[in-house]
Protein backbone atom coordinates (compact mmCIF):
# COMPACT_ATOMS: atom_id res chain seq x y z
CA MET A 1 10.05 16.23 21.37
CA HIS A 2 9.19 15.04 24.83
CA GLU A 3 12.77 14.54 25.36
CA MET A 4 13.38 18.20 25.94
CA ALA A 5 10.88 18.10 29.05
CA LEU A 6 12.04 15.13 30.19
CA SER A 7 15.57 16.49 30.27
CA GLN A 8 14.45 19.56 31.80
CA ASP A 9 12.77 17.44 34.78
CA ILE A 10 16.04 15.49 35.15
CA VAL A 11 18.22 19.32 35.70
CA ALA A 12 15.59 20.28 37.94
CA ILE A 13 15.39 16.91 40.02
CA CYS A 14 19.38 17.52 39.85
CA GLN A 15 19.33 20.91 41.28
CA ARG A 16 16.73 20.12 44.16
CA ASN A 17 19.26 17.53 45.37
CA ALA A 18 22.80 18.82 44.57
CA GLY A 19 22.79 20.97 48.21
CA GLY A 20 23.80 24.14 46.14
CA ARG A 21 27.15 21.94 45.01
CA PRO A 22 27.61 21.43 41.33
CA VAL A 23 27.04 18.55 39.72
CA SER A 24 29.78 16.10 37.80
CA LEU A 25 27.68 13.16 37.10
CA VAL A 26 24.11 12.12 36.14
CA VAL A 27 23.15 8.46 35.84
CA VAL A 28 19.60 8.26 34.21
CA GLU A 29 17.91 4.83 33.31
CA ILE A 30 15.82 4.45 29.88
CA GLY A 31 13.76 1.97 29.58
CA GLN A 32 13.63 0.36 25.71
CA LEU A 33 9.79 0.65 26.06
CA SER A 34 9.34 4.13 27.26
CA GLY A 35 9.18 5.58 23.68
CA VAL A 36 12.27 7.91 24.83
CA VAL A 37 15.39 8.65 22.33
CA PRO A 38 18.45 8.14 24.50
CA GLU A 39 20.59 10.52 22.28
CA ALA A 40 17.62 13.23 22.32
CA VAL A 41 17.87 13.40 25.89
CA ALA A 42 21.62 13.74 25.59
CA PHE A 43 21.26 16.67 23.04
CA CYS A 44 18.83 18.10 24.94
CA PHE A 45 20.42 17.52 28.60
CA GLU A 46 23.30 19.49 27.69
CA ALA A 47 21.35 22.72 26.36
CA CYS A 48 19.03 22.38 29.35
CA SER A 49 21.56 22.48 32.00
CA ALA A 50 23.70 25.53 30.69
CA GLY A 51 23.89 27.84 33.34
CA THR A 52 22.99 25.77 36.46
CA LEU A 53 24.39 23.76 38.90
CA VAL A 54 24.08 20.90 36.51
CA ALA A 55 26.08 22.55 33.69
CA GLY A 56 29.42 20.08 32.62
CA ALA A 57 27.66 17.19 34.39
CA ARG A 58 28.51 13.87 32.49
CA LEU A 59 25.05 11.91 31.60
CA GLN A 60 25.39 8.77 31.89
CA ILE A 61 22.48 6.53 30.09
CA GLN A 62 21.94 2.88 31.29
CA PRO A 63 19.32 1.10 29.37
CA VAL A 64 16.85 -0.91 30.88
CA ALA A 65 15.57 -4.00 28.87
CA GLY A 66 11.84 -5.10 28.70
CA LYS A 67 10.48 -7.74 30.33
CA GLY A 68 6.53 -8.93 30.69
CA ARG A 69 4.78 -11.25 32.43
CA CYS A 70 1.50 -13.14 30.59
CA LEU A 71 -1.30 -13.20 32.74
CA ASP A 72 -2.74 -16.21 31.28
CA CYS A 73 0.26 -18.38 31.35
CA ARG A 74 2.04 -16.79 33.65
CA HIS A 75 5.49 -16.71 31.72
CA GLU A 76 7.83 -14.09 31.71
CA SER A 77 10.40 -13.14 28.89
CA PRO A 78 12.32 -9.86 27.54
CA LEU A 79 9.95 -7.68 25.40
CA GLU A 80 11.27 -5.41 22.66
CA ARG A 81 7.76 -3.99 21.81
CA LEU A 82 4.72 -3.24 23.95
CA PHE A 83 2.04 -5.30 22.66
CA ASP A 84 3.92 -8.27 21.73
CA PRO A 85 2.08 -11.56 22.24
CA CYS A 86 3.47 -14.10 24.71
CA CYS A 87 6.27 -16.38 23.45
CA ASN A 88 4.83 -19.05 25.46
CA CYS A 89 1.10 -18.93 24.33
CA GLY A 90 0.47 -16.41 21.91
CA SER A 91 -1.79 -13.88 24.38
CA PHE A 92 -1.95 -10.53 24.01
CA ARG A 93 -2.49 -9.96 27.70
CA ILE A 94 1.18 -8.94 28.64
CA GLU A 95 1.59 -6.99 31.88
CA VAL A 96 4.81 -4.95 32.00
CA LEU A 97 7.44 -5.93 34.32
CA SER A 98 10.09 -3.72 32.99
CA GLY A 99 11.57 -1.29 30.36
CA GLN A 100 9.09 1.72 30.59
CA GLU A 101 10.58 3.77 33.36
CA VAL A 102 12.82 6.89 33.23
CA ARG A 103 14.55 7.89 36.09
CA VAL A 104 17.21 9.57 37.93
CA ARG A 105 19.31 6.66 39.55
CA GLU A 106 22.43 8.74 40.73
CA ILE A 107 23.82 12.22 41.05
CA ASP A 108 27.11 12.83 41.56
CA VAL A 109 28.10 16.31 43.41
CA VAL A 110 31.26 17.86 43.91
CA ASP A 111 32.37 18.49 47.23
């Protein structure tokens, strides 16, 4: 399960950037096309943060919708799955513009 490794990385990022202070909130963006299961990240986050400055922090997951641009007709449209054809011309030459990201967006620390 790669969600465990991702959760470990999220906790490590928080600890590196918290300045030695306890973390109260972590906001993470997870793209719809990333292959990451948000519920699994939430479960793993709790286990990975135990005994760290991040323990007890609220995890807020913000979904990021998939979006692509056709390389043939330049039409931009929502993507629900990777490798969907262009809804305008049917081409499979799609550049993914958003939806694959997994990133820590915000960390709130206790003053």
